[in-house]
Amino acid sequence: MLERGVEVDHITLFRWIQHYAPEMEKRLRWYYKPTLGFSWQVDDPKGGA
């Protein structure tokens, strides 16, 4: 924001994130729904090497 000549305090950014993050997550969640029958797993790194 400073590049655009707007000085914003870090507390202001924190409050903005706290206020708008739930709404953004709700709207974006629709795009990230996995398709039916599709799943993936990450290998467990606990295996001995």
PDB file of N, CA and C in Angstrom:
ATOM      1  N   MET A   1       0.820  -1.184   0.000  1.00  0.00           N
ATOM      2  CA  MET A   1       0.000   0.000   0.000  1.00  0.00           C
ATOM      3  C   MET A   1       0.865   1.248   0.000  1.00  0.00           C
ATOM      4  N   LEU A   2       2.029   1.137   0.604  1.00  0.00           N
ATOM      5  CA  LEU A   2       2.919   2.290   0.660  1.00  0.00           C
ATOM      6  C   LEU A   2       3.358   2.706  -0.740  1.00  0.00           C
ATOM      7  N   GLU A   3       3.462   1.717  -1.648  1.00  0.00           N
ATOM      8  CA  GLU A   3       3.821   2.027  -3.036  1.00  0.00           C
ATOM      9  C   GLU A   3       2.808   2.977  -3.665  1.00  0.00           C
ATOM     10  N   ARG A   4       1.578   2.878  -3.228  1.00  0.00           N
ATOM     11  CA  ARG A   4       0.502   3.705  -3.784  1.00  0.00           C
ATOM     12  C   ARG A   4       0.267   4.973  -2.977  1.00  0.00           C
ATOM     13  N   GLY A   5       1.142   5.210  -2.011  1.00  0.00           N
ATOM     14  CA  GLY A   5       1.031   6.434  -1.232  1.00  0.00           C
ATOM     15  C   GLY A   5       0.052   6.367  -0.077  1.00  0.00           C
ATOM     16  N   VAL A   6      -0.352   5.140   0.300  1.00  0.00           N
ATOM     17  CA  VAL A   6      -1.283   4.973   1.405  1.00  0.00           C
ATOM     18  C   VAL A   6      -0.537   4.312   2.556  1.00  0.00           C
ATOM     19  N   GLU A   7      -0.488   4.985   3.687  1.00  0.00           N
ATOM     20  CA  GLU A   7       0.203   4.443   4.841  1.00  0.00           C
ATOM     21  C   GLU A   7      -0.813   3.711   5.714  1.00  0.00           C
ATOM     22  N   VAL A   8      -0.569   2.422   5.959  1.00  0.00           N
ATOM     23  CA  VAL A   8      -1.496   1.595   6.722  1.00  0.00           C
ATOM     24  C   VAL A   8      -0.739   0.934   7.861  1.00  0.00           C
ATOM     25  N   ASP A   9      -1.299   1.017   9.055  1.00  0.00           N
ATOM     26  CA  ASP A   9      -0.700   0.406  10.228  1.00  0.00           C
ATOM     27  C   ASP A   9      -0.934  -1.106  10.201  1.00  0.00           C
ATOM     28  N   HIS A  10      -0.031  -1.879  10.796  1.00  0.00           N
ATOM     29  CA  HIS A  10      -0.174  -3.329  10.797  1.00  0.00           C
ATOM     30  C   HIS A  10      -1.428  -3.778  11.560  1.00  0.00           C
ATOM     31  N   ILE A  11      -1.842  -3.015  12.540  1.00  0.00           N
ATOM     32  CA  ILE A  11      -3.068  -3.342  13.281  1.00  0.00           C
ATOM     33  C   ILE A  11      -4.293  -3.205  12.374  1.00  0.00           C
ATOM     34  N   THR A  12      -4.267  -2.213  11.505  1.00  0.00           N
ATOM     35  CA  THR A  12      -5.367  -2.036  10.548  1.00  0.00           C
ATOM     36  C   THR A  12      -5.461  -3.245   9.631  1.00  0.00           C
ATOM     37  N   LEU A  13      -4.324  -3.711   9.142  1.00  0.00           N
ATOM     38  CA  LEU A  13      -4.325  -4.905   8.279  1.00  0.00           C
ATOM     39  C   LEU A  13      -4.837  -6.113   9.043  1.00  0.00           C
ATOM     40  N   PHE A  14      -4.387  -6.281  10.281  1.00  0.00           N
ATOM     41  CA  PHE A  14      -4.825  -7.403  11.101  1.00  0.00           C
ATOM     42  C   PHE A  14      -6.338  -7.374  11.288  1.00  0.00           C
ATOM     43  N   ARG A  15      -6.887  -6.214  11.583  1.00  0.00           N
ATOM     44  CA  ARG A  15      -8.336  -6.090  11.773  1.00  0.00           C
ATOM     45  C   ARG A  15      -9.092  -6.377  10.487  1.00  0.00           C
ATOM     46  N   TRP A  16      -8.550  -5.934   9.356  1.00  0.00           N
ATOM     47  CA  TRP A  16      -9.178  -6.189   8.069  1.00  0.00           C
ATOM     48  C   TRP A  16      -9.216  -7.691   7.787  1.00  0.00           C
ATOM     49  N   ILE A  17      -8.122  -8.357   8.068  1.00  0.00           N
ATOM     50  CA  ILE A  17      -8.056  -9.805   7.853  1.00  0.00           C
ATOM     51  C   ILE A  17      -9.042 -10.516   8.763  1.00  0.00           C
ATOM     52  N   GLN A  18      -9.093 -10.138  10.036  1.00  0.00           N
ATOM     53  CA  GLN A  18     -10.022 -10.759  10.972  1.00  0.00           C
ATOM     54  C   GLN A  18     -11.474 -10.557  10.533  1.00  0.00           C
ATOM     55  N   HIS A  19     -11.753  -9.429   9.938  1.00  0.00           N
ATOM     56  CA  HIS A  19     -13.124  -9.115   9.527  1.00  0.00           C
ATOM     57  C   HIS A  19     -13.525  -9.829   8.240  1.00  0.00           C
ATOM     58  N   TYR A  20     -12.645  -9.824   7.240  1.00  0.00           N
ATOM     59  CA  TYR A  20     -13.015 -10.313   5.920  1.00  0.00           C
ATOM     60  C   TYR A  20     -12.595 -11.742   5.618  1.00  0.00           C
ATOM     61  N   ALA A  21     -11.695 -12.339   6.389  1.00  0.00           N
ATOM     62  CA  ALA A  21     -11.226 -13.698   6.097  1.00  0.00           C
ATOM     63  C   ALA A  21     -12.357 -14.732   6.089  1.00  0.00           C
ATOM     64  N   PRO A  22     -13.258 -14.736   7.060  1.00  0.00           N
ATOM     65  CA  PRO A  22     -14.336 -15.735   7.011  1.00  0.00           C
ATOM     66  C   PRO A  22     -15.204 -15.623   5.753  1.00  0.00           C
ATOM     67  N   GLU A  23     -15.499 -14.415   5.344  1.00  0.00           N
ATOM     68  CA  GLU A  23     -16.312 -14.236   4.131  1.00  0.00           C
ATOM     69  C   GLU A  23     -15.549 -14.698   2.895  1.00  0.00           C
ATOM     70  N   MET A  24     -14.271 -14.389   2.808  1.00  0.00           N
ATOM     71  CA  MET A  24     -13.465 -14.820   1.663  1.00  0.00           C
ATOM     72  C   MET A  24     -13.366 -16.342   1.632  1.00  0.00           C
ATOM     73  N   GLU A  25     -13.181 -16.958   2.785  1.00  0.00           N
ATOM     74  CA  GLU A  25     -13.090 -18.418   2.838  1.00  0.00           C
ATOM     75  C   GLU A  25     -14.393 -19.054   2.376  1.00  0.00           C
ATOM     76  N   LYS A  26     -15.516 -18.494   2.818  1.00  0.00           N
ATOM     77  CA  LYS A  26     -16.817 -19.036   2.438  1.00  0.00           C
ATOM     78  C   LYS A  26     -17.016 -18.951   0.926  1.00  0.00           C
ATOM     79  N   ARG A  27     -16.627 -17.853   0.332  1.00  0.00           N
ATOM     80  CA  ARG A  27     -16.808 -17.689  -1.115  1.00  0.00           C
ATOM     81  C   ARG A  27     -15.833 -18.541  -1.918  1.00  0.00           C
ATOM     82  N   LEU A  28     -14.599 -18.695  -1.424  1.00  0.00           N
ATOM     83  CA  LEU A  28     -13.603 -19.475  -2.158  1.00  0.00           C
ATOM     84  C   LEU A  28     -13.777 -20.974  -1.973  1.00  0.00           C
ATOM     85  N   ARG A  29     -14.392 -21.387  -0.883  1.00  0.00           N
ATOM     86  CA  ARG A  29     -14.548 -22.815  -0.610  1.00  0.00           C
ATOM     87  C   ARG A  29     -15.282 -23.516  -1.753  1.00  0.00           C
ATOM     88  N   TRP A  30     -16.219 -22.829  -2.398  1.00  0.00           N
ATOM     89  CA  TRP A  30     -16.966 -23.417  -3.494  1.00  0.00           C
ATOM     90  C   TRP A  30     -16.039 -23.835  -4.638  1.00  0.00           C
ATOM     91  N   TYR A  31     -14.992 -23.064  -4.883  1.00  0.00           N
ATOM     92  CA  TYR A  31     -14.077 -23.355  -5.980  1.00  0.00           C
ATOM     93  C   TYR A  31     -13.158 -24.522  -5.666  1.00  0.00           C
ATOM     94  N   TYR A  32     -12.929 -24.807  -4.394  1.00  0.00           N
ATOM     95  CA  TYR A  32     -11.967 -25.826  -4.017  1.00  0.00           C
ATOM     96  C   TYR A  32     -12.603 -27.141  -3.604  1.00  0.00           C
ATOM     97  N   LYS A  33     -13.888 -27.325  -3.857  1.00  0.00           N
ATOM     98  CA  LYS A  33     -14.535 -28.590  -3.531  1.00  0.00           C
ATOM     99  C   LYS A  33     -13.970 -29.676  -4.454  1.00  0.00           C
ATOM    100  N   PRO A  34     -13.552 -30.780  -3.878  1.00  0.00           N
ATOM    101  CA  PRO A  34     -13.060 -31.864  -4.738  1.00  0.00           C
ATOM    102  C   PRO A  34     -14.210 -32.489  -5.521  1.00  0.00           C
ATOM    103  N   THR A  35     -13.917 -32.985  -6.695  1.00  0.00           N
ATOM    104  CA  THR A  35     -14.936 -33.641  -7.502  1.00  0.00           C
ATOM    105  C   THR A  35     -15.254 -34.998  -6.886  1.00  0.00           C
ATOM    106  N   LEU A  36     -16.413 -35.507  -7.168  1.00  0.00           N
ATOM    107  CA  LEU A  36     -16.828 -36.788  -6.596  1.00  0.00           C
ATOM    108  C   LEU A  36     -15.906 -37.905  -7.051  1.00  0.00           C
ATOM    109  N   GLY A  37     -15.488 -38.739  -6.128  1.00  0.00           N
ATOM    110  CA  GLY A  37     -14.639 -39.872  -6.460  1.00  0.00           C
ATOM    111  C   GLY A  37     -13.168 -39.524  -6.580  1.00  0.00           C
ATOM    112  N   PHE A  38     -12.810 -38.274  -6.422  1.00  0.00           N
ATOM    113  CA  PHE A  38     -11.414 -37.879  -6.542  1.00  0.00           C
ATOM    114  C   PHE A  38     -10.833 -37.638  -5.157  1.00  0.00           C
ATOM    115  N   SER A  39      -9.728 -38.265  -4.865  1.00  0.00           N
ATOM    116  CA  SER A  39      -9.033 -38.015  -3.609  1.00  0.00           C
ATOM    117  C   SER A  39      -7.554 -38.268  -3.828  1.00  0.00           C
ATOM    118  N   TRP A  40      -6.740 -37.682  -3.001  1.00  0.00           N
ATOM    119  CA  TRP A  40      -5.300 -37.903  -3.081  1.00  0.00           C
ATOM    120  C   TRP A  40      -4.745 -37.919  -1.677  1.00  0.00           C
ATOM    121  N   GLN A  41      -3.628 -38.607  -1.530  1.00  0.00           N
ATOM    122  CA  GLN A  41      -3.005 -38.724  -0.229  1.00  0.00           C
ATOM    123  C   GLN A  41      -1.517 -38.437  -0.369  1.00  0.00           C
ATOM    124  N   VAL A  42      -0.954 -37.925   0.688  1.00  0.00           N
ATOM    125  CA  VAL A  42       0.472 -37.669   0.729  1.00  0.00           C
ATOM    126  C   VAL A  42       1.127 -38.833   1.434  1.00  0.00           C
ATOM    127  N   ASP A  43       2.263 -39.282   0.916  1.00  0.00           N
ATOM    128  CA  ASP A  43       2.975 -40.380   1.557  1.00  0.00           C
ATOM    129  C   ASP A  43       3.369 -39.997   2.969  1.00  0.00           C
ATOM    130  N   ASP A  44       3.289 -40.948   3.867  1.00  0.00           N
ATOM    131  CA  ASP A  44       3.630 -40.719   5.273  1.00  0.00           C
ATOM    132  C   ASP A  44       5.156 -40.708   5.405  1.00  0.00           C
ATOM    133  N   PRO A  45       5.751 -39.596   5.869  1.00  0.00           N
ATOM    134  CA  PRO A  45       7.210 -39.516   5.966  1.00  0.00           C
ATOM    135  C   PRO A  45       7.781 -40.273   7.163  1.00  0.00           C
ATOM    136  N   LYS A  46       6.910 -40.921   7.959  1.00  0.00           N
ATOM    137  CA  LYS A  46       7.378 -41.631   9.138  1.00  0.00           C
ATOM    138  C   LYS A  46       8.093 -42.949   8.796  1.00  0.00           C
ATOM    139  N   GLY A  47       7.936 -43.401   7.586  1.00  0.00           N
ATOM    140  CA  GLY A  47       8.560 -44.668   7.180  1.00  0.00           C
ATOM    141  C   GLY A  47      10.071 -44.589   7.304  1.00  0.00           C
ATOM    142  N   GLY A  48      10.680 -45.685   7.663  1.00  0.00           N
ATOM    143  CA  GLY A  48      12.141 -45.693   7.851  1.00  0.00           C
ATOM    144  C   GLY A  48      12.893 -45.471   6.550  1.00  0.00           C
ATOM    145  N   ALA A  49      13.981 -44.815   6.634  1.00  0.00           N
ATOM    146  CA  ALA A  49      14.796 -44.570   5.437  1.00  0.00           C
ATOM    147  C   ALA A  49      16.236 -44.929   5.730  1.00  0.00           C
TER     148      ALA A  49
END
